[in-house]
N, C-alpha and C. Protein backbone atom coordinates (compact mmCIF):
# COMPACT_ATOMS: atom_id res chain seq x y z
N UNK A 1 25.31 1.28 -17.69
CA UNK A 1 24.90 -0.06 -17.65
C UNK A 1 25.61 -0.68 -16.23
N UNK A 2 24.78 -1.31 -15.42
CA UNK A 2 25.06 -2.13 -14.20
C UNK A 2 26.78 -2.70 -14.39
N UNK A 3 27.29 -2.53 -13.43
CA UNK A 3 28.97 -3.32 -13.41
C UNK A 3 28.68 -4.65 -14.02
N UNK A 4 27.73 -5.47 -13.01
CA UNK A 4 27.48 -6.76 -13.32
C UNK A 4 26.77 -7.24 -14.76
N UNK A 5 25.79 -6.28 -15.27
CA UNK A 5 25.61 -6.52 -17.05
C UNK A 5 26.91 -6.43 -17.63
N UNK A 6 27.60 -5.67 -17.48
CA UNK A 6 28.78 -5.33 -18.44
C UNK A 6 29.61 -6.61 -18.20
N UNK A 7 29.81 -7.14 -17.19
CA UNK A 7 30.64 -8.52 -16.79
C UNK A 7 30.05 -10.08 -17.76
N UNK A 8 28.78 -9.90 -17.06
CA UNK A 8 27.93 -10.98 -17.61
C UNK A 8 28.27 -10.88 -19.15
N UNK A 9 28.06 -9.67 -19.88
CA UNK A 9 27.99 -9.77 -21.10
C UNK A 9 29.54 -10.07 -21.55
N UNK A 10 30.25 -9.46 -21.36
CA UNK A 10 31.87 -10.01 -21.32
C UNK A 10 32.10 -11.20 -21.51
N UNK A 11 32.12 -12.19 -20.40
CA UNK A 11 32.01 -13.40 -19.92
C UNK A 11 31.01 -14.33 -21.57
N UNK A 12 30.10 -14.04 -21.67
CA UNK A 12 29.03 -14.34 -22.56
C UNK A 12 29.63 -14.03 -24.13
N UNK A 13 30.59 -13.40 -24.22
CA UNK A 13 31.05 -12.92 -25.61
C UNK A 13 30.43 -11.91 -26.14
N UNK A 14 29.18 -11.42 -25.76
CA UNK A 14 28.48 -10.17 -25.84
C UNK A 14 28.78 -8.79 -25.68
N UNK A 15 29.61 -8.10 -26.43
CA UNK A 15 30.35 -7.09 -26.37
C UNK A 15 29.47 -5.67 -26.69
N UNK A 16 28.71 -6.09 -27.77
CA UNK A 16 28.33 -4.61 -28.36
C UNK A 16 26.25 -4.90 -27.93
N UNK A 17 25.75 -4.01 -27.54
CA UNK A 17 24.65 -3.79 -27.76
C UNK A 17 23.90 -2.87 -28.84
N UNK A 18 23.12 -3.70 -29.52
CA UNK A 18 22.35 -2.74 -30.83
C UNK A 18 20.92 -3.19 -30.57
N UNK A 19 20.19 -2.03 -31.62
CA UNK A 19 18.64 -2.52 -32.09
C UNK A 19 17.92 -1.40 -31.40
N UNK A 20 16.48 -1.47 -31.53
CA UNK A 20 15.54 -0.68 -30.90
C UNK A 20 14.59 -1.27 -30.01
N UNK A 21 14.64 -1.06 -28.92
CA UNK A 21 13.61 -1.57 -28.09
C UNK A 21 12.69 -0.68 -27.49
N UNK A 22 11.44 -1.31 -27.85
CA UNK A 22 10.16 -0.71 -27.11
C UNK A 22 10.00 -0.78 -25.52
N UNK A 23 9.85 0.16 -25.10
CA UNK A 23 9.25 -0.09 -23.52
C UNK A 23 7.98 0.57 -23.30
N UNK A 24 7.26 -0.51 -22.84
CA UNK A 24 5.87 -0.41 -22.29
C UNK A 24 5.14 0.16 -21.44
N UNK A 25 4.16 0.68 -20.91
CA UNK A 25 3.76 1.46 -19.97
C UNK A 25 3.86 0.50 -18.90
N UNK A 26 4.53 0.57 -17.90
CA UNK A 26 4.24 -0.41 -16.29
C UNK A 26 3.01 -0.11 -15.68
N UNK A 27 2.50 1.21 -16.24
CA UNK A 27 1.22 1.65 -15.09
C UNK A 27 0.74 2.20 -16.15
N UNK A 28 -0.80 2.00 -16.09
CA UNK A 28 -2.06 2.61 -16.69
C UNK A 28 -1.74 4.31 -16.34
N UNK A 29 -1.95 5.38 -16.93
CA UNK A 29 -1.99 6.40 -16.77
C UNK A 29 -2.18 7.53 -17.66
N UNK A 30 -1.42 8.59 -17.23
CA UNK A 30 -1.05 10.07 -18.02
C UNK A 30 0.34 9.70 -18.14
N UNK A 31 0.97 10.13 -19.42
CA UNK A 31 2.54 10.72 -19.48
C UNK A 31 2.64 11.93 -18.83
N UNK A 32 3.57 12.17 -18.31
CA UNK A 32 4.07 13.24 -17.84
C UNK A 32 5.66 13.67 -17.81
N UNK A 33 6.12 14.62 -18.53
CA UNK A 33 7.72 14.68 -18.43
C UNK A 33 8.47 14.73 -17.47
N UNK A 34 9.27 14.19 -17.48
CA UNK A 34 9.98 13.47 -16.18
C UNK A 34 10.72 14.78 -15.59
N UNK A 35 10.71 15.79 -16.53
CA UNK A 35 11.23 17.29 -15.42
C UNK A 35 10.40 17.99 -14.74
N UNK A 36 9.31 17.32 -14.39
CA UNK A 36 8.02 17.78 -13.30
C UNK A 36 7.91 16.85 -12.63
N UNK A 37 8.73 15.88 -12.44
CA UNK A 37 8.55 15.16 -10.92
C UNK A 37 8.93 16.23 -10.19
N UNK A 38 8.62 15.49 -8.98
CA UNK A 38 9.27 17.01 -7.89
C UNK A 38 10.21 16.17 -6.87
N UNK A 39 10.98 15.64 -7.52
CA UNK A 39 12.14 15.23 -6.94
C UNK A 39 13.48 15.58 -7.63
N UNK A 40 14.81 16.30 -7.79
CA UNK A 40 15.74 16.40 -8.01
C UNK A 40 16.34 15.17 -8.71
N UNK A 41 16.43 14.45 -8.06
CA UNK A 41 17.13 12.96 -8.45
C UNK A 41 16.40 12.57 -9.57
N UNK A 42 14.94 12.77 -10.18
CA UNK A 42 14.54 11.99 -11.17
C UNK A 42 14.35 13.51 -12.24
N UNK A 43 13.90 14.44 -11.77
CA UNK A 43 13.61 15.60 -12.67
C UNK A 43 14.79 16.25 -13.64
N UNK A 44 16.12 15.97 -12.82
CA UNK A 44 17.80 16.43 -13.17
C UNK A 44 18.13 15.26 -13.98
N UNK A 45 17.46 14.04 -14.09
CA UNK A 45 17.86 13.14 -14.78
C UNK A 45 18.92 12.23 -14.14
N UNK A 46 19.34 12.63 -12.95
CA UNK A 46 20.79 11.89 -12.11
C UNK A 46 20.31 10.60 -12.40
N UNK A 47 19.36 9.75 -12.39
CA UNK A 47 19.10 8.35 -12.39
C UNK A 47 19.04 7.90 -14.11
N UNK A 48 19.00 8.52 -15.07
CA UNK A 48 18.68 8.39 -16.27
C UNK A 48 17.32 9.19 -16.87
N UNK A 49 17.37 9.10 -18.25
CA UNK A 49 16.40 10.06 -18.88
C UNK A 49 15.07 8.98 -19.16
N UNK A 50 14.15 9.84 -18.97
CA UNK A 50 12.59 8.72 -19.43
C UNK A 50 11.43 9.79 -19.13
N UNK A 51 10.62 9.07 -18.66
CA UNK A 51 9.16 9.99 -18.52
C UNK A 51 8.79 9.29 -17.29
N UNK A 52 7.69 9.71 -16.60
CA UNK A 52 6.79 9.92 -15.61
C UNK A 52 5.55 9.44 -16.17
N UNK A 53 4.58 8.66 -15.18
CA UNK A 53 3.37 8.20 -15.35
C UNK A 53 2.21 8.70 -14.42
N UNK A 54 1.34 9.82 -14.15
CA UNK A 54 0.62 9.59 -13.63
C UNK A 54 -0.49 8.64 -13.11
N UNK A 55 -0.43 7.38 -12.26
CA UNK A 55 -0.79 6.40 -12.50
C UNK A 55 -2.33 5.98 -11.87
N UNK A 56 -3.01 4.95 -12.48
CA UNK A 56 -4.40 4.59 -12.41
C UNK A 56 -3.97 2.76 -11.92
N UNK A 57 -5.08 2.46 -11.42
CA UNK A 57 -5.07 1.17 -11.28
C UNK A 57 -4.67 0.46 -10.31
N UNK A 58 -3.81 -0.63 -10.26
CA UNK A 58 -3.24 -1.32 -9.21
C UNK A 58 -2.11 -2.04 -9.25
N UNK A 59 -1.66 -2.29 -10.33
CA UNK A 59 -0.58 -3.05 -11.10
C UNK A 59 0.45 -2.56 -11.43
N UNK A 60 1.98 -2.59 -10.96
CA UNK A 60 3.02 -2.22 -12.00
C UNK A 60 3.40 -3.44 -12.84
N UNK A 61 3.60 -3.47 -14.20
CA UNK A 61 3.86 -4.45 -14.99
C UNK A 61 5.17 -4.34 -15.63
N UNK A 62 5.42 -5.59 -16.13
CA UNK A 62 7.06 -5.23 -16.70
C UNK A 62 7.32 -4.42 -17.73
N UNK A 63 7.75 -3.61 -18.06
CA UNK A 63 7.78 -2.82 -19.21
C UNK A 63 8.49 -3.07 -20.52
N UNK A 64 9.36 -4.00 -20.25
CA UNK A 64 10.07 -4.76 -21.41
C UNK A 64 10.32 -6.50 -20.95
N UNK A 65 10.80 -7.38 -21.93
CA UNK A 65 10.67 -8.69 -21.96
C UNK A 65 12.36 -8.67 -21.36
N UNK A 66 13.15 -9.36 -19.88
CA UNK A 66 14.03 -9.18 -19.86
C UNK A 66 13.94 -9.76 -18.03
N UNK A 67 14.84 -10.09 -17.39
CA UNK A 67 15.15 -10.28 -16.33
C UNK A 67 15.12 -9.02 -15.02
N UNK A 68 14.28 -9.29 -13.86
CA UNK A 68 14.44 -8.51 -13.08
C UNK A 68 15.57 -8.26 -12.48
N UNK A 69 16.35 -7.18 -11.91
CA UNK A 69 17.77 -6.93 -11.47
C UNK A 69 17.44 -7.02 -9.94
N UNK A 70 16.69 -5.80 -9.69
CA UNK A 70 16.69 -5.68 -8.17
C UNK A 70 15.25 -4.98 -7.89
N UNK A 71 14.64 -5.35 -6.48
CA UNK A 71 13.07 -4.77 -6.25
C UNK A 71 13.56 -4.34 -4.95
N UNK A 72 13.67 -3.25 -4.77
CA UNK A 72 13.68 -2.52 -3.17
C UNK A 72 12.85 -3.57 -2.45
N UNK A 73 13.54 -3.51 -1.05
CA UNK A 73 13.14 -3.80 -0.01
C UNK A 73 11.15 -3.56 0.44
N UNK A 74 11.06 -2.64 -0.23
CA UNK A 74 10.21 -1.88 0.69
C UNK A 74 8.93 -1.74 -0.81
N UNK A 75 9.40 -2.36 -1.71
CA UNK A 75 8.70 -3.02 -3.07
C UNK A 75 8.06 -1.63 -3.74
N UNK A 76 8.82 -0.57 -3.90
CA UNK A 76 8.21 0.59 -4.43
C UNK A 76 9.23 0.98 -5.83
N UNK A 77 9.93 0.37 -5.95
CA UNK A 77 10.91 0.35 -7.33
C UNK A 77 11.45 -0.93 -7.58
N UNK A 78 11.93 -1.03 -8.91
CA UNK A 78 12.69 -2.18 -9.43
C UNK A 78 13.23 -1.90 -10.78
N UNK A 79 14.71 -2.43 -11.11
CA UNK A 79 15.34 -2.67 -12.18
C UNK A 79 14.97 -4.11 -12.84
N UNK A 80 15.24 -3.41 -14.35
CA UNK A 80 14.93 -4.81 -15.05
C UNK A 80 15.77 -4.68 -16.69
N UNK A 81 16.50 -5.66 -16.67
CA UNK A 81 17.40 -5.75 -17.80
C UNK A 81 16.92 -6.55 -19.11
N UNK A 82 16.86 -6.08 -20.29
CA UNK A 82 16.47 -6.81 -21.52
C UNK A 82 17.56 -7.59 -22.22
N UNK A 83 17.49 -8.49 -22.75
CA UNK A 83 18.26 -9.31 -23.33
C UNK A 83 19.20 -8.50 -24.40
N UNK A 84 18.90 -7.49 -24.80
CA UNK A 84 19.96 -6.80 -25.63
C UNK A 84 20.52 -5.49 -24.74
N UNK A 85 20.21 -5.61 -23.65
CA UNK A 85 21.48 -5.07 -22.53
C UNK A 85 20.77 -3.43 -21.91
N UNK A 86 19.41 -3.31 -22.73
CA UNK A 86 18.65 -2.04 -21.75
C UNK A 86 18.22 -2.41 -20.49
N UNK A 87 18.58 -1.06 -19.73
CA UNK A 87 18.38 -1.18 -18.42
C UNK A 87 17.03 -0.22 -17.75
N UNK A 88 16.41 -0.65 -17.53
CA UNK A 88 15.02 0.09 -17.15
C UNK A 88 14.96 0.36 -15.74
N UNK A 89 14.68 1.02 -14.72
CA UNK A 89 14.33 1.21 -13.48
C UNK A 89 13.16 2.21 -13.71
N UNK A 90 11.76 1.30 -12.68
CA UNK A 90 10.83 2.11 -12.34
C UNK A 90 10.68 2.50 -10.96
N UNK A 91 10.12 3.82 -10.57
CA UNK A 91 10.39 4.14 -9.05
C UNK A 91 8.84 4.69 -8.88
N UNK A 92 8.00 4.12 -7.86
CA UNK A 92 6.64 4.32 -8.29
C UNK A 92 6.07 5.69 -6.80
N UNK A 93 6.16 6.45 -7.15
CA UNK A 93 5.51 7.93 -6.81
C UNK A 93 7.13 8.27 -6.03
N UNK A 94 7.01 9.54 -5.40
CA UNK A 94 7.90 10.21 -4.39
C UNK A 94 7.64 10.02 -2.99
N UNK A 95 8.45 9.64 -2.10
CA UNK A 95 8.44 9.66 -0.72
C UNK A 95 7.69 8.20 -0.48
N UNK A 96 7.67 7.40 -1.45
CA UNK A 96 6.68 6.19 -0.96
C UNK A 96 8.04 5.35 -0.39
N UNK A 97 9.42 5.32 -0.39
CA UNK A 97 10.45 4.63 0.36
C UNK A 97 10.16 5.12 2.00
N UNK A 98 9.66 5.89 2.29
CA UNK A 98 9.57 6.03 3.66
C UNK A 98 8.34 5.32 4.29
N UNK A 99 7.59 5.05 3.32
CA UNK A 99 6.02 4.22 3.92
C UNK A 99 6.63 2.61 4.08
N UNK A 100 7.88 2.28 3.94
CA UNK A 100 8.36 0.83 4.02
C UNK A 100 7.89 -0.38 3.81
N UNK A 101 7.43 0.08 2.58
CA UNK A 101 6.37 -1.17 1.97
C UNK A 101 5.23 -1.13 2.27
N UNK A 102 4.65 -0.22 2.85
CA UNK A 102 2.99 0.01 3.28
C UNK A 102 2.32 0.29 1.97
N UNK A 103 1.41 -0.17 1.59
CA UNK A 103 0.69 0.21 0.17
C UNK A 103 1.25 -0.94 -0.91
N UNK A 104 2.18 -1.78 -1.24
CA UNK A 104 2.69 -2.14 -2.42
C UNK A 104 3.07 -3.88 -1.64
N UNK A 105 2.97 -4.47 -2.66
CA UNK A 105 2.99 -6.33 -2.41
C UNK A 105 3.55 -6.61 -3.34
N UNK A 106 4.66 -7.26 -3.47
CA UNK A 106 5.29 -8.05 -4.36
C UNK A 106 5.03 -8.89 -4.62
N UNK A 107 4.98 -9.18 -6.34
CA UNK A 107 4.41 -10.38 -7.24
C UNK A 107 5.54 -11.04 -7.99
N UNK A 108 6.86 -10.81 -8.11
CA UNK A 108 7.90 -11.37 -9.01
C UNK A 108 9.00 -11.11 -7.78
N UNK A 109 9.99 -11.85 -8.45
CA UNK A 109 11.31 -12.26 -7.71
C UNK A 109 12.68 -11.35 -8.47
N UNK A 110 13.52 -11.18 -7.71
CA UNK A 110 14.79 -10.82 -8.41
C UNK A 110 15.55 -11.80 -9.22
N UNK A 111 15.73 -11.72 -10.41
CA UNK A 111 16.49 -12.77 -11.45
C UNK A 111 15.22 -13.61 -11.91
N UNK A 112 14.27 -13.16 -11.70
CA UNK A 112 13.16 -13.48 -12.77
C UNK A 112 12.74 -13.28 -13.83
N UNK A 113 12.73 -13.88 -14.74
CA UNK A 113 12.72 -13.72 -16.03
C UNK A 113 11.30 -13.07 -16.27
N UNK A 114 11.06 -12.18 -16.91
CA UNK A 114 9.57 -11.95 -17.26
C UNK A 114 9.40 -11.11 -19.11
N UNK A 115 7.80 -11.11 -19.40
CA UNK A 115 7.64 -10.82 -20.64
C UNK A 115 6.72 -9.46 -20.05
N UNK A 116 6.92 -8.66 -21.60
CA UNK A 116 6.11 -7.04 -20.99
C UNK A 116 4.63 -7.70 -20.49
N UNK A 117 4.29 -7.27 -19.51
CA UNK A 117 3.06 -7.04 -18.84
C UNK A 117 2.63 -8.24 -17.60
N UNK A 118 4.20 -8.70 -17.69
CA UNK A 118 3.86 -9.47 -16.49
C UNK A 118 3.97 -9.09 -15.55
N UNK A 119 2.92 -8.93 -13.99
CA UNK A 119 2.92 -8.49 -13.02
C UNK A 119 4.10 -8.55 -12.30
N UNK A 120 4.82 -7.17 -11.49
CA UNK A 120 5.59 -7.27 -10.80
C UNK A 120 5.53 -6.83 -8.98
N UNK A 121 4.71 -5.92 -9.62
CA UNK A 121 4.27 -5.28 -7.98
C UNK A 121 3.14 -5.00 -7.99
N UNK A 122 2.34 -5.00 -6.97
CA UNK A 122 0.71 -4.74 -6.62
C UNK A 122 0.76 -3.36 -6.00
N UNK A 123 -0.07 -2.12 -6.46
CA UNK A 123 0.05 -1.09 -5.14
C UNK A 123 -1.60 -0.91 -4.99
N UNK A 124 -1.62 -0.34 -3.58
CA UNK A 124 -3.19 -0.14 -3.01
C UNK A 124 -3.35 2.04 -3.46
N UNK A 125 -3.88 2.16 -4.53
CA UNK A 125 -3.81 3.77 -4.82
C UNK A 125 -4.25 4.34 -3.91
N UNK A 126 -5.43 4.13 -3.19
CA UNK A 126 -6.05 5.22 -2.10
C UNK A 126 -5.13 5.53 -1.13
N UNK A 127 -4.57 4.31 -0.66
CA UNK A 127 -3.35 4.36 0.60
C UNK A 127 -2.24 4.97 0.13
N UNK A 128 -1.75 5.07 -1.00
CA UNK A 128 -0.67 5.82 -1.92
C UNK A 128 -0.88 7.27 -1.84
N UNK A 129 -2.25 7.80 -2.43
CA UNK A 129 -2.78 8.87 -2.64
C UNK A 129 -2.65 9.74 -1.29
N UNK A 130 -3.18 9.04 -0.60
CA UNK A 130 -3.27 9.86 1.06
C UNK A 130 -1.60 9.83 1.58
N UNK A 131 -0.85 8.55 1.51
CA UNK A 131 0.18 8.90 2.16
C UNK A 131 1.37 9.52 1.54
N UNK A 132 1.50 9.07 0.30
CA UNK A 132 2.74 9.63 -0.67
C UNK A 132 2.78 11.31 -0.75
N UNK A 133 4.24 11.71 -1.03
CA UNK A 133 4.18 12.94 -1.48
C UNK A 133 3.64 13.28 -3.13
N UNK A 134 4.09 12.32 -3.83
CA UNK A 134 3.57 12.35 -5.19
C UNK A 134 3.07 10.96 -5.51
N UNK A 135 2.41 10.65 -6.63
CA UNK A 135 2.29 9.35 -7.15
C UNK A 135 3.06 9.23 -8.38
N UNK A 136 3.62 10.25 -8.92
CA UNK A 136 4.02 10.18 -10.37
C UNK A 136 5.36 9.38 -10.26
N UNK A 137 5.23 8.41 -11.23
CA UNK A 137 5.92 7.07 -11.32
C UNK A 137 7.07 7.40 -12.47
N UNK A 138 8.33 7.59 -12.18
CA UNK A 138 9.26 7.65 -13.32
C UNK A 138 9.61 6.14 -13.74
N UNK A 139 10.00 6.17 -15.14
CA UNK A 139 10.23 5.19 -15.83
C UNK A 139 11.57 6.07 -16.91
N UNK A 140 12.56 5.20 -16.11
CA UNK A 140 14.05 5.72 -16.59
C UNK A 140 14.84 4.60 -17.51
N UNK A 141 15.86 5.14 -18.13
CA UNK A 141 16.72 4.32 -18.61
C UNK A 141 18.07 4.49 -17.94
N UNK A 142 18.38 3.34 -16.99
CA UNK A 142 19.41 3.57 -16.48
C UNK A 142 20.85 3.24 -16.93
N UNK A 143 21.17 2.90 -17.89
CA UNK A 143 22.07 2.87 -18.86
C UNK A 143 22.29 4.05 -19.99
N UNK A 144 22.12 5.28 -19.72
CA UNK A 144 22.35 6.29 -21.03
C UNK A 144 23.08 6.26 -21.84
N UNK A 145 24.23 5.67 -21.39
CA UNK A 145 25.46 5.85 -22.20
C UNK A 145 25.79 4.65 -23.02
N UNK A 146 24.77 3.81 -23.17
CA UNK A 146 24.49 2.64 -24.39
C UNK A 146 23.50 3.49 -25.30
N UNK A 147 22.84 4.76 -24.75
CA UNK A 147 21.45 4.62 -25.96
C UNK A 147 22.04 5.75 -27.00
N UNK A 148 21.47 5.66 -28.31
CA UNK A 148 21.78 6.53 -29.35
C UNK A 148 20.68 7.18 -29.77
N UNK A 149 19.63 7.21 -29.37
CA UNK A 149 18.42 7.90 -29.44
C UNK A 149 17.20 7.36 -28.67
N UNK A 150 16.57 8.31 -28.32
CA UNK A 150 15.18 7.92 -27.22
C UNK A 150 13.84 8.53 -27.97
N UNK A 151 12.80 7.99 -28.31
CA UNK A 151 11.41 8.68 -28.78
C UNK A 151 10.28 8.64 -27.84
N UNK A 152 10.12 9.61 -27.21
CA UNK A 152 9.15 9.54 -26.38
C UNK A 152 7.85 9.74 -26.61
N UNK A 153 6.88 8.78 -26.12
CA UNK A 153 5.46 9.21 -26.55
C UNK A 153 4.50 10.01 -25.74
N UNK A 154 3.58 10.20 -25.86
CA UNK A 154 2.72 11.41 -25.35
C UNK A 154 1.46 10.79 -24.77
N UNK A 155 0.70 11.31 -24.05
CA UNK A 155 -0.76 10.89 -23.70
C UNK A 155 -1.46 10.14 -22.78
N UNK A 156 -2.33 9.17 -22.96
CA UNK A 156 -2.59 8.06 -21.96
C UNK A 156 -1.87 6.93 -22.19
N UNK A 157 -1.84 5.91 -21.43
CA UNK A 157 -1.60 5.14 -21.76
C UNK A 157 -1.92 4.12 -20.80
N UNK A 158 -1.94 2.70 -21.43
CA UNK A 158 -2.49 1.52 -21.08
C UNK A 158 -1.64 0.49 -20.46
N UNK A 159 -1.20 0.22 -18.85
CA UNK A 159 0.05 -0.72 -18.54
C UNK A 159 0.00 -1.81 -19.72
N UNK A 160 1.37 -2.15 -19.96
CA UNK A 160 1.38 -3.48 -20.77
C UNK A 160 0.94 -3.30 -22.08
N UNK A 161 0.18 -2.62 -22.73
CA UNK A 161 -0.01 -2.40 -24.04
C UNK A 161 0.28 -1.64 -25.06
N UNK A 162 0.68 -0.42 -24.07
CA UNK A 162 1.06 0.98 -24.97
C UNK A 162 2.66 1.33 -24.92
N UNK A 163 3.00 1.60 -25.78
CA UNK A 163 4.57 2.09 -25.65
C UNK A 163 4.62 3.42 -25.25
N UNK A 164 5.93 3.66 -24.15
CA UNK A 164 6.13 4.72 -23.79
C UNK A 164 7.08 5.40 -24.03
N UNK A 165 7.97 4.81 -24.82
CA UNK A 165 9.39 5.12 -25.38
C UNK A 165 9.89 4.26 -26.20
N UNK A 166 10.77 4.36 -27.44
CA UNK A 166 11.33 3.38 -28.24
C UNK A 166 12.60 4.11 -28.06
N UNK A 167 13.48 3.08 -27.59
CA UNK A 167 15.20 3.19 -27.43
C UNK A 167 16.28 2.18 -28.63
N UNK A 168 16.70 3.77 -29.19
CA UNK A 168 17.63 3.18 -30.27
C UNK A 168 18.87 3.01 -29.46
N UNK A 169 19.47 1.38 -29.27
CA UNK A 169 20.92 1.03 -28.75
C UNK A 169 22.05 1.31 -29.76
């Protein structure tokens, strides 16, 4: 969990996080094991555990109800925290940071409250297919130390409609 989230919870008196949170597909496509992402930061779960999606479409949606924490300046990745304290990190593709925002458009803002399925980013799949190293999009739990269990799904998913994993806090 991020330092600021811990401070916010301490100030509000909420010290424990508990429950089950369903995380929905932020992009449509096929679920791929995170270990197959061609970047060690993700495949070795340095950022956190989760999975990746081989994307289709043009929108990245909120995977949980919560507050957007950080949207990278290049609009290729963002973090979001649920009211229960779950922190999710979504990173579109590999090598996309080097594109300096080309192929992406921001549709939401940091600090914004969102619901599952709300649009966060728009992407140009044709442009990114040509210019990114990989389109695999990791969806990770950034605060694994607060997680009791993780049930990952498989197969094809539709953004905002299908659960990709359930997290036991």
